[in-house]
């Protein structure tokens, strides 16, 4: 019974890591897309 509990805990941990990874990627992409106009403006000011 102990090994079954370990398997369940491993699955829960893996699921948690996968969900946090997907949410992290989503947050990063959202932040870049939201900040894109400001980044483009600053880039244009720096190179022109």
PDB file of N, CA and C in Angstrom:
ATOM      1  N   UNK A   1       0.828  -1.203   0.000  1.00  0.00           N
ATOM      2  CA  UNK A   1       0.000   0.000   0.000  1.00  0.00           C
ATOM      3  C   UNK A   1       0.865   1.257   0.000  1.00  0.00           C
ATOM      4  N   UNK A   2       2.041   1.130   0.597  1.00  0.00           N
ATOM      5  CA  UNK A   2       2.927   2.292   0.668  1.00  0.00           C
ATOM      6  C   UNK A   2       3.372   2.735  -0.720  1.00  0.00           C
ATOM      7  N   UNK A   3       3.656   1.784  -1.603  1.00  0.00           N
ATOM      8  CA  UNK A   3       4.108   2.167  -2.939  1.00  0.00           C
ATOM      9  C   UNK A   3       2.980   2.819  -3.746  1.00  0.00           C
ATOM     10  N   UNK A   4       1.749   2.408  -3.529  1.00  0.00           N
ATOM     11  CA  UNK A   4       0.623   3.040  -4.224  1.00  0.00           C
ATOM     12  C   UNK A   4       0.488   4.496  -3.793  1.00  0.00           C
ATOM     13  N   UNK A   5       0.687   4.762  -2.521  1.00  0.00           N
ATOM     14  CA  UNK A   5       0.627   6.144  -2.044  1.00  0.00           C
ATOM     15  C   UNK A   5       1.773   6.956  -2.631  1.00  0.00           C
ATOM     16  N   UNK A   6       2.942   6.351  -2.764  1.00  0.00           N
ATOM     17  CA  UNK A   6       4.073   7.054  -3.367  1.00  0.00           C
ATOM     18  C   UNK A   6       3.803   7.377  -4.824  1.00  0.00           C
ATOM     19  N   UNK A   7       3.177   6.451  -5.541  1.00  0.00           N
ATOM     20  CA  UNK A   7       2.853   6.689  -6.951  1.00  0.00           C
ATOM     21  C   UNK A   7       1.865   7.851  -7.069  1.00  0.00           C
ATOM     22  N   UNK A   8       0.856   7.869  -6.214  1.00  0.00           N
ATOM     23  CA  UNK A   8      -0.134   8.947  -6.241  1.00  0.00           C
ATOM     24  C   UNK A   8       0.540  10.280  -5.938  1.00  0.00           C
ATOM     25  N   UNK A   9       1.442  10.294  -4.956  1.00  0.00           N
ATOM     26  CA  UNK A   9       2.137  11.539  -4.624  1.00  0.00           C
ATOM     27  C   UNK A   9       3.020  11.997  -5.770  1.00  0.00           C
ATOM     28  N   UNK A  10       3.671  11.062  -6.457  1.00  0.00           N
ATOM     29  CA  UNK A  10       4.501  11.433  -7.602  1.00  0.00           C
ATOM     30  C   UNK A  10       3.662  12.002  -8.734  1.00  0.00           C
ATOM     31  N   UNK A  11       2.495  11.420  -8.978  1.00  0.00           N
ATOM     32  CA  UNK A  11       1.608  11.919 -10.025  1.00  0.00           C
ATOM     33  C   UNK A  11       1.107  13.317  -9.672  1.00  0.00           C
ATOM     34  N   UNK A  12       0.744  13.523  -8.417  1.00  0.00           N
ATOM     35  CA  UNK A  12       0.289  14.853  -7.994  1.00  0.00           C
ATOM     36  C   UNK A  12       1.394  15.883  -8.151  1.00  0.00           C
ATOM     37  N   UNK A  13       2.610  15.522  -7.770  1.00  0.00           N
ATOM     38  CA  UNK A  13       3.733  16.453  -7.887  1.00  0.00           C
ATOM     39  C   UNK A  13       4.024  16.758  -9.352  1.00  0.00           C
ATOM     40  N   UNK A  14       3.991  15.757 -10.201  1.00  0.00           N
ATOM     41  CA  UNK A  14       4.249  15.967 -11.620  1.00  0.00           C
ATOM     42  C   UNK A  14       3.176  16.844 -12.247  1.00  0.00           C
ATOM     43  N   UNK A  15       1.926  16.601 -11.873  1.00  0.00           N
ATOM     44  CA  UNK A  15       0.817  17.403 -12.389  1.00  0.00           C
ATOM     45  C   UNK A  15       0.965  18.859 -11.945  1.00  0.00           C
ATOM     46  N   UNK A  16       1.332  19.060 -10.686  1.00  0.00           N
ATOM     47  CA  UNK A  16       1.505  20.414 -10.168  1.00  0.00           C
ATOM     48  C   UNK A  16       2.618  21.142 -10.909  1.00  0.00           C
ATOM     49  N   UNK A  17       3.735  20.457 -11.128  1.00  0.00           N
ATOM     50  CA  UNK A  17       4.850  21.071 -11.844  1.00  0.00           C
ATOM     51  C   UNK A  17       4.444  21.400 -13.276  1.00  0.00           C
ATOM     52  N   UNK A  18       3.709  20.494 -13.928  1.00  0.00           N
ATOM     53  CA  UNK A  18       3.287  20.739 -15.306  1.00  0.00           C
ATOM     54  C   UNK A  18       2.337  21.935 -15.384  1.00  0.00           C
ATOM     55  N   UNK A  19       1.389  22.018 -14.476  1.00  0.00           N
ATOM     56  CA  UNK A  19       0.431  23.139 -14.487  1.00  0.00           C
ATOM     57  C   UNK A  19       1.148  24.454 -14.206  1.00  0.00           C
ATOM     58  N   UNK A  20       2.070  24.453 -13.249  1.00  0.00           N
ATOM     59  CA  UNK A  20       2.805  25.676 -12.950  1.00  0.00           C
ATOM     60  C   UNK A  20       3.687  26.091 -14.123  1.00  0.00           C
ATOM     61  N   UNK A  21       4.245  25.129 -14.823  1.00  0.00           N
ATOM     62  CA  UNK A  21       5.050  25.446 -15.996  1.00  0.00           C
ATOM     63  C   UNK A  21       4.222  26.079 -17.097  1.00  0.00           C
ATOM     64  N   UNK A  22       3.052  25.516 -17.364  1.00  0.00           N
ATOM     65  CA  UNK A  22       2.176  26.067 -18.403  1.00  0.00           C
ATOM     66  C   UNK A  22       1.713  27.460 -18.019  1.00  0.00           C
ATOM     67  N   UNK A  23       1.345  27.650 -16.766  1.00  0.00           N
ATOM     68  CA  UNK A  23       0.914  28.978 -16.327  1.00  0.00           C
ATOM     69  C   UNK A  23       2.069  29.977 -16.369  1.00  0.00           C
ATOM     70  N   UNK A  24       3.272  29.527 -16.081  1.00  0.00           N
ATOM     71  CA  UNK A  24       4.434  30.403 -16.162  1.00  0.00           C
ATOM     72  C   UNK A  24       4.701  30.863 -17.581  1.00  0.00           C
ATOM     73  N   UNK A  25       4.608  29.938 -18.527  1.00  0.00           N
ATOM     74  CA  UNK A  25       4.797  30.302 -19.935  1.00  0.00           C
ATOM     75  C   UNK A  25       3.708  31.271 -20.371  1.00  0.00           C
ATOM     76  N   UNK A  26       2.478  31.003 -19.974  1.00  0.00           N
ATOM     77  CA  UNK A  26       1.374  31.898 -20.314  1.00  0.00           C
ATOM     78  C   UNK A  26       1.601  33.294 -19.735  1.00  0.00           C
ATOM     79  N   UNK A  27       2.064  33.365 -18.489  1.00  0.00           N
ATOM     80  CA  UNK A  27       2.317  34.666 -17.863  1.00  0.00           C
ATOM     81  C   UNK A  27       3.433  35.411 -18.582  1.00  0.00           C
ATOM     82  N   UNK A  28       4.484  34.692 -18.970  1.00  0.00           N
ATOM     83  CA  UNK A  28       5.597  35.342 -19.675  1.00  0.00           C
ATOM     84  C   UNK A  28       5.151  35.878 -21.025  1.00  0.00           C
ATOM     85  N   UNK A  29       4.409  35.077 -21.782  1.00  0.00           N
ATOM     86  CA  UNK A  29       3.937  35.507 -23.101  1.00  0.00           C
ATOM     87  C   UNK A  29       2.980  36.691 -22.952  1.00  0.00           C
ATOM     88  N   UNK A  30       2.104  36.637 -21.969  1.00  0.00           N
ATOM     89  CA  UNK A  30       1.172  37.742 -21.742  1.00  0.00           C
ATOM     90  C   UNK A  30       1.913  39.024 -21.388  1.00  0.00           C
ATOM     91  N   UNK A  31       2.921  38.918 -20.536  1.00  0.00           N
ATOM     92  CA  UNK A  31       3.676  40.108 -20.148  1.00  0.00           C
ATOM     93  C   UNK A  31       4.393  40.713 -21.347  1.00  0.00           C
ATOM     94  N   UNK A  32       4.968  39.882 -22.198  1.00  0.00           N
ATOM     95  CA  UNK A  32       5.659  40.403 -23.382  1.00  0.00           C
ATOM     96  C   UNK A  32       4.664  41.059 -24.325  1.00  0.00           C
ATOM     97  N   UNK A  33       3.519  40.437 -24.545  1.00  0.00           N
ATOM     98  CA  UNK A  33       2.541  41.014 -25.464  1.00  0.00           C
ATOM     99  C   UNK A  33       1.958  42.317 -24.933  1.00  0.00           C
ATOM    100  N   UNK A  34       1.770  42.402 -23.623  1.00  0.00           N
ATOM    101  CA  UNK A  34       1.238  43.631 -23.043  1.00  0.00           C
ATOM    102  C   UNK A  34       2.278  44.744 -23.108  1.00  0.00           C
ATOM    103  N   UNK A  35       3.542  44.410 -22.883  1.00  0.00           N
ATOM    104  CA  UNK A  35       4.598  45.420 -22.846  1.00  0.00           C
ATOM    105  C   UNK A  35       5.172  45.720 -24.230  1.00  0.00           C
ATOM    106  N   UNK A  36       4.717  45.018 -25.264  1.00  0.00           N
ATOM    107  CA  UNK A  36       5.333  45.167 -26.585  1.00  0.00           C
ATOM    108  C   UNK A  36       5.326  46.603 -27.119  1.00  0.00           C
ATOM    109  N   UNK A  37       4.234  47.355 -27.037  1.00  0.00           N
ATOM    110  CA  UNK A  37       4.273  48.739 -27.550  1.00  0.00           C
ATOM    111  C   UNK A  37       5.331  49.588 -26.845  1.00  0.00           C
ATOM    112  N   UNK A  38       5.437  49.443 -25.540  1.00  0.00           N
ATOM    113  CA  UNK A  38       6.435  50.224 -24.812  1.00  0.00           C
ATOM    114  C   UNK A  38       7.845  49.791 -25.195  1.00  0.00           C
ATOM    115  N   UNK A  39       8.061  48.498 -25.345  1.00  0.00           N
ATOM    116  CA  UNK A  39       9.384  48.008 -25.742  1.00  0.00           C
ATOM    117  C   UNK A  39       9.739  48.482 -27.148  1.00  0.00           C
ATOM    118  N   UNK A  40       8.777  48.467 -28.041  1.00  0.00           N
ATOM    119  CA  UNK A  40       9.038  48.935 -29.402  1.00  0.00           C
ATOM    120  C   UNK A  40       9.344  50.432 -29.409  1.00  0.00           C
ATOM    121  N   UNK A  41       8.635  51.195 -28.611  1.00  0.00           N
ATOM    122  CA  UNK A  41       8.882  52.626 -28.532  1.00  0.00           C
ATOM    123  C   UNK A  41      10.288  52.909 -27.978  1.00  0.00           C
ATOM    124  N   UNK A  42      10.635  52.227 -26.897  1.00  0.00           N
ATOM    125  CA  UNK A  42      11.966  52.437 -26.323  1.00  0.00           C
ATOM    126  C   UNK A  42      13.066  52.000 -27.280  1.00  0.00           C
ATOM    127  N   UNK A  43      12.838  50.900 -27.979  1.00  0.00           N
ATOM    128  CA  UNK A  43      13.824  50.436 -28.958  1.00  0.00           C
ATOM    129  C   UNK A  43      13.994  51.436 -30.093  1.00  0.00           C
ATOM    130  N   UNK A  44      12.898  52.009 -30.546  1.00  0.00           N
ATOM    131  CA  UNK A  44      12.983  52.996 -31.623  1.00  0.00           C
ATOM    132  C   UNK A  44      13.704  54.254 -31.142  1.00  0.00           C
ATOM    133  N   UNK A  45      13.472  54.651 -29.880  1.00  0.00           N
ATOM    134  CA  UNK A  45      14.147  55.829 -29.360  1.00  0.00           C
ATOM    135  C   UNK A  45      15.658  55.579 -29.210  1.00  0.00           C
ATOM    136  N   UNK A  46      16.026  54.363 -28.860  1.00  0.00           N
ATOM    137  CA  UNK A  46      17.435  54.056 -28.651  1.00  0.00           C
ATOM    138  C   UNK A  46      18.218  54.010 -29.973  1.00  0.00           C
ATOM    139  N   UNK A  47      17.614  53.475 -31.017  1.00  0.00           N
ATOM    140  CA  UNK A  47      18.352  53.233 -32.247  1.00  0.00           C
ATOM    141  C   UNK A  47      18.138  54.312 -33.320  1.00  0.00           C
ATOM    142  N   UNK A  48      17.296  55.293 -33.022  1.00  0.00           N
ATOM    143  CA  UNK A  48      17.089  56.387 -34.002  1.00  0.00           C
ATOM    144  C   UNK A  48      17.580  57.706 -33.480  1.00  0.00           C
TER     145      UNK A  48
END
